[in-house]
C-alpha atoms as a PDB file:
ATOM      1  CA  MET A   1       0.000   0.000   0.000  1.00  0.00           C
ATOM      2  CA  GLU A   2       1.525   3.275  -1.060  1.00  0.00           C
ATOM      3  CA  LEU A   3       0.743   6.611   0.477  1.00  0.00           C
ATOM      4  CA  SER A   4       1.939   9.762  -1.084  1.00  0.00           C
ATOM      5  CA  VAL A   5       3.856  12.302   1.008  1.00  0.00           C
ATOM      6  CA  GLY A   6       0.946  14.739   0.625  1.00  0.00           C
ATOM      7  CA  THR A   7      -1.500  12.241   2.145  1.00  0.00           C
ATOM      8  CA  ILE A   8       0.797  11.581   5.082  1.00  0.00           C
ATOM      9  CA  VAL A   9       1.221  15.325   5.718  1.00  0.00           C
ATOM     10  CA  VAL A  10      -2.566  15.851   5.607  1.00  0.00           C
ATOM     11  CA  PHE A  11      -3.068  12.950   8.030  1.00  0.00           C
ATOM     12  CA  VAL A  12      -0.474  14.281  10.506  1.00  0.00           C
ATOM     13  CA  LEU A  13      -1.902  17.818  10.347  1.00  0.00           C
ATOM     14  CA  SER A  14      -5.453  16.507  10.850  1.00  0.00           C
ATOM     15  CA  MET A  15      -4.433  14.541  13.921  1.00  0.00           C
ATOM     16  CA  SER A  16      -2.610  17.591  15.319  1.00  0.00           C
ATOM     17  CA  VAL A  17      -5.686  19.777  14.870  1.00  0.00           C
ATOM     18  CA  LEU A  18      -7.886  17.093  16.460  1.00  0.00           C
ATOM     19  CA  VAL A  19      -5.640  16.831  19.551  1.00  0.00           C
ATOM     20  CA  LEU A  20      -5.414  20.619  19.813  1.00  0.00           C
ATOM     21  CA  GLY A  21      -9.215  20.852  19.550  1.00  0.00           C
ATOM     22  CA  PHE A  22      -9.686  18.365  22.421  1.00  0.00           C
ATOM     23  CA  PHE A  23      -7.160  20.305  24.510  1.00  0.00           C
ATOM     24  CA  LEU A  24      -8.939  23.630  23.923  1.00  0.00           C
ATOM     25  CA  ILE A  25     -12.383  22.187  24.681  1.00  0.00           C
ATOM     26  CA  GLN A  26     -11.064  20.735  27.928  1.00  0.00           C
ATOM     27  CA  LYS A  27      -9.615  24.130  28.901  1.00  0.00           C
ATOM     28  CA  ILE A  28     -12.889  25.911  28.134  1.00  0.00           C
ATOM     29  CA  PHE A  29     -14.970  23.520  30.229  1.00  0.00           C
ATOM     30  CA  SER A  30     -12.542  23.571  33.157  1.00  0.00           C
ATOM     31  CA  ALA A  31     -12.538  27.399  33.096  1.00  0.00           C
ATOM     32  CA  GLY A  32     -16.364  27.405  33.130  1.00  0.00           C
ATOM     33  CA  GLY A  33     -16.404  25.045  36.101  1.00  0.00           C
ATOM     34  CA  THR A  34     -13.939  27.241  37.958  1.00  0.00           C
ATOM     35  CA  ALA A  35     -16.092  30.330  37.328  1.00  0.00           C
ATOM     36  CA  ILE A  36     -19.148  28.550  38.743  1.00  0.00           C
ATOM     37  CA  ASP A  37     -17.167  27.477  41.822  1.00  0.00           C
ATOM     38  CA  GLU A  38     -15.965  31.065  42.349  1.00  0.00           C
ATOM     39  CA  VAL A  39     -19.538  32.410  42.177  1.00  0.00           C
ATOM     40  CA  ASP A  40     -20.721  29.719  44.592  1.00  0.00           C
ATOM     41  CA  THR A  41     -17.893  30.555  46.998  1.00  0.00           C
ATOM     42  CA  ALA A  42     -18.673  34.274  46.761  1.00  0.00           C
ATOM     43  CA  ILE A  43     -22.334  33.645  47.614  1.00  0.00           C
ATOM     44  CA  GLN A  44     -21.378  31.453  50.563  1.00  0.00           C
ATOM     45  CA  ASP A  45     -18.960  34.104  51.829  1.00  0.00           C
ATOM     46  CA  GLN A  46     -21.582  36.862  51.586  1.00  0.00           C
ATOM     47  CA  ILE A  47     -24.201  34.793  53.406  1.00  0.00           C
ATOM     48  CA  GLN A  48     -21.744  33.813  56.156  1.00  0.00           C
ATOM     49  CA  LYS A  49     -20.865  37.509  56.504  1.00  0.00           C
ATOM     50  CA  LEU A  50     -24.555  38.322  56.985  1.00  0.00           C
ATOM     51  CA  PHE A  51     -24.786  35.714  59.757  1.00  0.00           C
ATOM     52  CA  THR A  52     -21.603  37.052  61.367  1.00  0.00           C
ATOM     53  CA  ASP A  53     -22.798  40.664  61.260  1.00  0.00           C
ATOM     54  CA  ASP A  54     -26.034  39.756  63.045  1.00  0.00           C
ATOM     55  CA  GLY A  55     -25.601  36.885  65.495  1.00  0.00           C
ATOM     56  CA  ASN A  56     -29.376  36.529  65.987  1.00  0.00           C
ATOM     57  CA  ARG A  57     -30.204  36.288  62.284  1.00  0.00           C
ATOM     58  CA  ALA A  58     -32.167  33.126  61.467  1.00  0.00           C
ATOM     59  CA  VAL A  59     -32.277  33.548  57.668  1.00  0.00           C
ATOM     60  CA  ALA A  60     -29.795  35.335  55.397  1.00  0.00           C
ATOM     61  CA  VAL A  61     -30.686  36.304  51.826  1.00  0.00           C
ATOM     62  CA  TYR A  62     -28.337  37.305  49.008  1.00  0.00           C
ATOM     63  CA  PRO A  63     -28.599  39.778  47.378  1.00  0.00           C
ATOM     64  CA  ASN A  64     -29.504  41.884  50.406  1.00  0.00           C
ATOM     65  CA  SER A  65     -31.815  44.102  48.369  1.00  0.00           C
ATOM     66  CA  ARG A  66     -34.035  41.090  47.632  1.00  0.00           C
ATOM     67  CA  GLU A  67     -34.512  42.475  44.133  1.00  0.00           C
ATOM     68  CA  ILE A  68     -33.600  40.554  40.994  1.00  0.00           C
ATOM     69  CA  SER A  69     -33.769  41.706  37.393  1.00  0.00           C
ATOM     70  CA  ILE A  70     -34.266  39.065  34.736  1.00  0.00           C
ATOM     71  CA  ILE A  71     -34.074  39.566  30.997  1.00  0.00           C
ATOM     72  CA  ARG A  72     -36.714  37.552  29.194  1.00  0.00           C
ATOM     73  CA  GLY A  73     -35.333  34.347  27.673  1.00  0.00           C
ATOM     74  CA  ASP A  74     -31.920  34.825  29.322  1.00  0.00           C
ATOM     75  CA  SER A  75     -30.170  32.176  31.417  1.00  0.00           C
ATOM     76  CA  PRO A  76     -31.758  31.534  34.840  1.00  0.00           C
ATOM     77  CA  LYS A  77     -31.016  34.108  37.535  1.00  0.00           C
ATOM     78  CA  GLY A  78     -32.124  34.194  41.124  1.00  0.00           C
ATOM     79  CA  PHE A  79     -31.214  34.571  44.776  1.00  0.00           C
ATOM     80  CA  ALA A  80     -29.620  32.477  47.476  1.00  0.00           C
ATOM     81  CA  PHE A  81     -30.530  32.082  51.119  1.00  0.00           C
ATOM     82  CA  SER A  82     -29.333  30.150  54.090  1.00  0.00           C
ATOM     83  CA  VAL A  83     -30.976  29.168  57.346  1.00  0.00           C
ATOM     84  CA  ARG A  84     -29.412  29.034  60.788  1.00  0.00           C
ATOM     85  CA  ASN A  85     -30.982  27.079  63.608  1.00  0.00           C
ATOM     86  CA  ILE A  86     -31.069  29.553  66.493  1.00  0.00           C
ATOM     87  CA  ASP A  87     -32.633  27.008  68.851  1.00  0.00           C
ATOM     88  CA  LEU A  88     -30.948  24.508  71.177  1.00  0.00           C
ATOM     89  CA  ASN A  89     -32.470  21.421  69.523  1.00  0.00           C
ATOM     90  CA  THR A  90     -31.888  19.742  66.175  1.00  0.00           C
ATOM     91  CA  SER A  91     -34.748  20.666  63.861  1.00  0.00           C
ATOM     92  CA  THR A  92     -36.001  19.883  60.363  1.00  0.00           C
ATOM     93  CA  PHE A  93     -36.478  22.841  58.039  1.00  0.00           C
ATOM     94  CA  THR A  94     -38.507  23.100  54.825  1.00  0.00           C
ATOM     95  CA  TYR A  95     -39.190  25.969  52.458  1.00  0.00           C
ATOM     96  CA  THR A  96     -41.574  26.860  49.655  1.00  0.00           C
ATOM     97  CA  THR A  97     -41.470  29.783  47.256  1.00  0.00           C
ATOM     98  CA  THR A  98     -44.690  31.074  45.710  1.00  0.00           C
ATOM     99  CA  ALA A  99     -45.778  34.069  43.703  1.00  0.00           C
ATOM    100  CA  THR A 100     -47.848  36.306  45.967  1.00  0.00           C
ATOM    101  CA  ASP A 101     -48.335  39.471  43.926  1.00  0.00           C
ATOM    102  CA  VAL A 102     -48.693  39.610  40.142  1.00  0.00           C
ATOM    103  CA  SER A 103     -50.960  42.699  40.159  1.00  0.00           C
ATOM    104  CA  GLN A 104     -48.375  44.841  38.327  1.00  0.00           C
ATOM    105  CA  CYS A 105     -48.586  42.400  35.400  1.00  0.00           C
ATOM    106  CA  LYS A 106     -52.148  43.623  34.714  1.00  0.00           C
ATOM    107  CA  GLY A 107     -53.539  40.169  33.963  1.00  0.00           C
ATOM    108  CA  THR A 108     -50.784  39.100  31.541  1.00  0.00           C
ATOM    109  CA  ILE A 109     -49.329  36.619  34.055  1.00  0.00           C
ATOM    110  CA  THR A 110     -51.240  34.534  36.588  1.00  0.00           C
ATOM    111  CA  LYS A 111     -49.816  33.331  39.914  1.00  0.00           C
ATOM    112  CA  GLU A 112     -49.688  29.800  38.487  1.00  0.00           C
ATOM    113  CA  GLN A 113     -47.646  30.999  35.494  1.00  0.00           C
ATOM    114  CA  ALA A 114     -45.344  32.974  37.795  1.00  0.00           C
ATOM    115  CA  ASP A 115     -44.830  29.850  39.926  1.00  0.00           C
ATOM    116  CA  SER A 116     -43.854  27.924  36.786  1.00  0.00           C
ATOM    117  CA  PHE A 117     -40.821  30.242  36.373  1.00  0.00           C
ATOM    118  CA  LEU A 118     -39.268  28.760  39.557  1.00  0.00           C
ATOM    119  CA  LEU A 119     -36.297  26.385  39.658  1.00  0.00           C
ATOM    120  CA  GLY A 120     -35.437  25.085  43.124  1.00  0.00           C
ATOM    121  CA  GLY A 121     -38.335  26.929  44.689  1.00  0.00           C
ATOM    122  CA  SER A 122     -39.077  24.387  47.394  1.00  0.00           C
ATOM    123  CA  ASP A 123     -37.685  21.647  49.570  1.00  0.00           C
ATOM    124  CA  THR A 124     -40.575  19.811  51.154  1.00  0.00           C
ATOM    125  CA  ASP A 125     -38.442  16.811  52.219  1.00  0.00           C
ATOM    126  CA  GLY A 126     -36.530  19.112  54.511  1.00  0.00           C
ATOM    127  CA  PHE A 127     -33.027  19.347  55.889  1.00  0.00           C
ATOM    128  CA  GLU A 128     -31.842  18.974  59.457  1.00  0.00           C
ATOM    129  CA  LEU A 129     -29.766  21.515  61.318  1.00  0.00           C
ATOM    130  CA  GLY A 130     -28.255  21.053  64.740  1.00  0.00           C
ATOM    131  CA  PRO A 131     -28.196  23.756  67.411  1.00  0.00           C
ATOM    132  CA  SER A 132     -26.603  26.998  66.106  1.00  0.00           C
ATOM    133  CA  ALA A 133     -25.784  25.279  62.790  1.00  0.00           C
ATOM    134  CA  SER A 134     -26.414  26.825  59.379  1.00  0.00           C
ATOM    135  CA  LEU A 135     -26.585  25.349  55.908  1.00  0.00           C
ATOM    136  CA  GLY A 136     -23.174  24.499  54.507  1.00  0.00           C
ATOM    137  CA  PHE A 137     -24.359  25.346  51.004  1.00  0.00           C
ATOM    138  CA  PRO A 138     -27.024  28.017  50.558  1.00  0.00           C
ATOM    139  CA  ARG A 139     -30.221  27.145  48.752  1.00  0.00           C
ATOM    140  CA  ILE A 140     -30.466  28.827  45.364  1.00  0.00           C
ATOM    141  CA  VAL A 141     -33.820  29.734  43.826  1.00  0.00           C
ATOM    142  CA  ARG A 142     -33.690  30.628  40.139  1.00  0.00           C
ATOM    143  CA  PHE A 143     -36.229  31.993  37.682  1.00  0.00           C
ATOM    144  CA  VAL A 144     -36.556  30.912  34.059  1.00  0.00           C
ATOM    145  CA  THR A 145     -38.542  33.039  31.636  1.00  0.00           C
ATOM    146  CA  LEU A 146     -39.298  32.666  27.951  1.00  0.00           C
ATOM    147  CA  GLU A 147     -38.725  35.229  25.211  1.00  0.00           C
ATOM    148  CA  ASN A 148     -42.454  35.999  25.083  1.00  0.00           C
ATOM    149  CA  THR A 149     -42.890  36.463  28.855  1.00  0.00           C
ATOM    150  CA  PRO A 150     -44.449  39.885  29.532  1.00  0.00           C
ATOM    151  CA  SER A 151     -42.294  42.484  31.284  1.00  0.00           C
ATOM    152  CA  CYS A 152     -43.488  43.182  34.813  1.00  0.00           C
ATOM    153  CA  PRO A 153     -42.480  42.939  38.483  1.00  0.00           C
ATOM    154  CA  ILE A 154     -43.590  39.895  40.477  1.00  0.00           C
ATOM    155  CA  VAL A 155     -43.367  39.475  44.249  1.00  0.00           C
ATOM    156  CA  TYR A 156     -42.461  36.008  45.496  1.00  0.00           C
ATOM    157  CA  THR A 157     -42.645  34.925  49.120  1.00  0.00           C
ATOM    158  CA  VAL A 158     -40.354  32.317  50.633  1.00  0.00           C
ATOM    159  CA  ASP A 159     -41.854  30.518  53.605  1.00  0.00           C
ATOM    160  CA  VAL A 160     -39.283  28.723  55.785  1.00  0.00           C
ATOM    161  CA  ARG A 161     -40.699  26.303  58.341  1.00  0.00           C
ATOM    162  CA  LYS A 162     -39.092  24.569  61.289  1.00  0.00           C
ATOM    163  CA  ASN A 163     -40.696  21.231  62.189  1.00  0.00           C
ATOM    164  CA  GLY A 164     -43.764  22.329  60.183  1.00  0.00           C
ATOM    165  CA  VAL A 165     -44.209  25.652  62.015  1.00  0.00           C
ATOM    166  CA  ALA A 166     -43.369  29.077  60.557  1.00  0.00           C
ATOM    167  CA  TYR A 167     -39.767  29.898  61.442  1.00  0.00           C
ATOM    168  CA  SER A 168     -38.816  33.209  63.029  1.00  0.00           C
ATOM    169  CA  GLY A 169     -37.623  35.520  60.266  1.00  0.00           C
ATOM    170  CA  GLY A 170     -38.216  32.779  57.739  1.00  0.00           C
ATOM    171  CA  ASN A 171     -40.988  34.452  55.753  1.00  0.00           C
ATOM    172  CA  PHE A 172     -39.503  36.965  53.339  1.00  0.00           C
ATOM    173  CA  GLY A 173     -40.342  38.488  49.995  1.00  0.00           C
ATOM    174  CA  VAL A 174     -38.298  38.824  46.821  1.00  0.00           C
ATOM    175  CA  LEU A 175     -39.104  41.218  43.964  1.00  0.00           C
ATOM    176  CA  VAL A 176     -38.370  39.847  40.499  1.00  0.00           C
ATOM    177  CA  ASN A 177     -38.359  42.396  37.679  1.00  0.00           C
ATOM    178  CA  ILE A 178     -38.822  40.739  34.304  1.00  0.00           C
ATOM    179  CA  LYS A 179     -37.478  42.965  31.547  1.00  0.00           C
END
């Protein structure tokens, strides 16, 4: 079997480009993973700072303003919160997020539709926290909207419960501005 020099050169160059392509793809994905880890660490640091600043705080929310702007059809955006057990006993905590005010949408979005925008909006199985313990990783609630979602502000309420009873400071609102 004879191969011309041109064929061999093309084969070697093709293999080089293929290996280089795999190398670049690996670098891109590892950089993306690092960026996600850095954001997660930043959120954890901010929430821990909120707990440190106020030793009696039961729930910390980031961003502090509790306002989020979302561009229709963009990647999911949201808020993070953490819970600290301020009692002396181990307790089970749950949370649910629901749309409570869609009046500014003037009938273009119902509460049910607004609830369908939620990702990670509830944990009904619950998580246990010991005395004075807080979540190691904050819970993140994100909102997904479509391109044709009307622009309007929606108020969501997060209800945190301890052993099935409303938790002190665990009922808070978040304003989501869809643009």
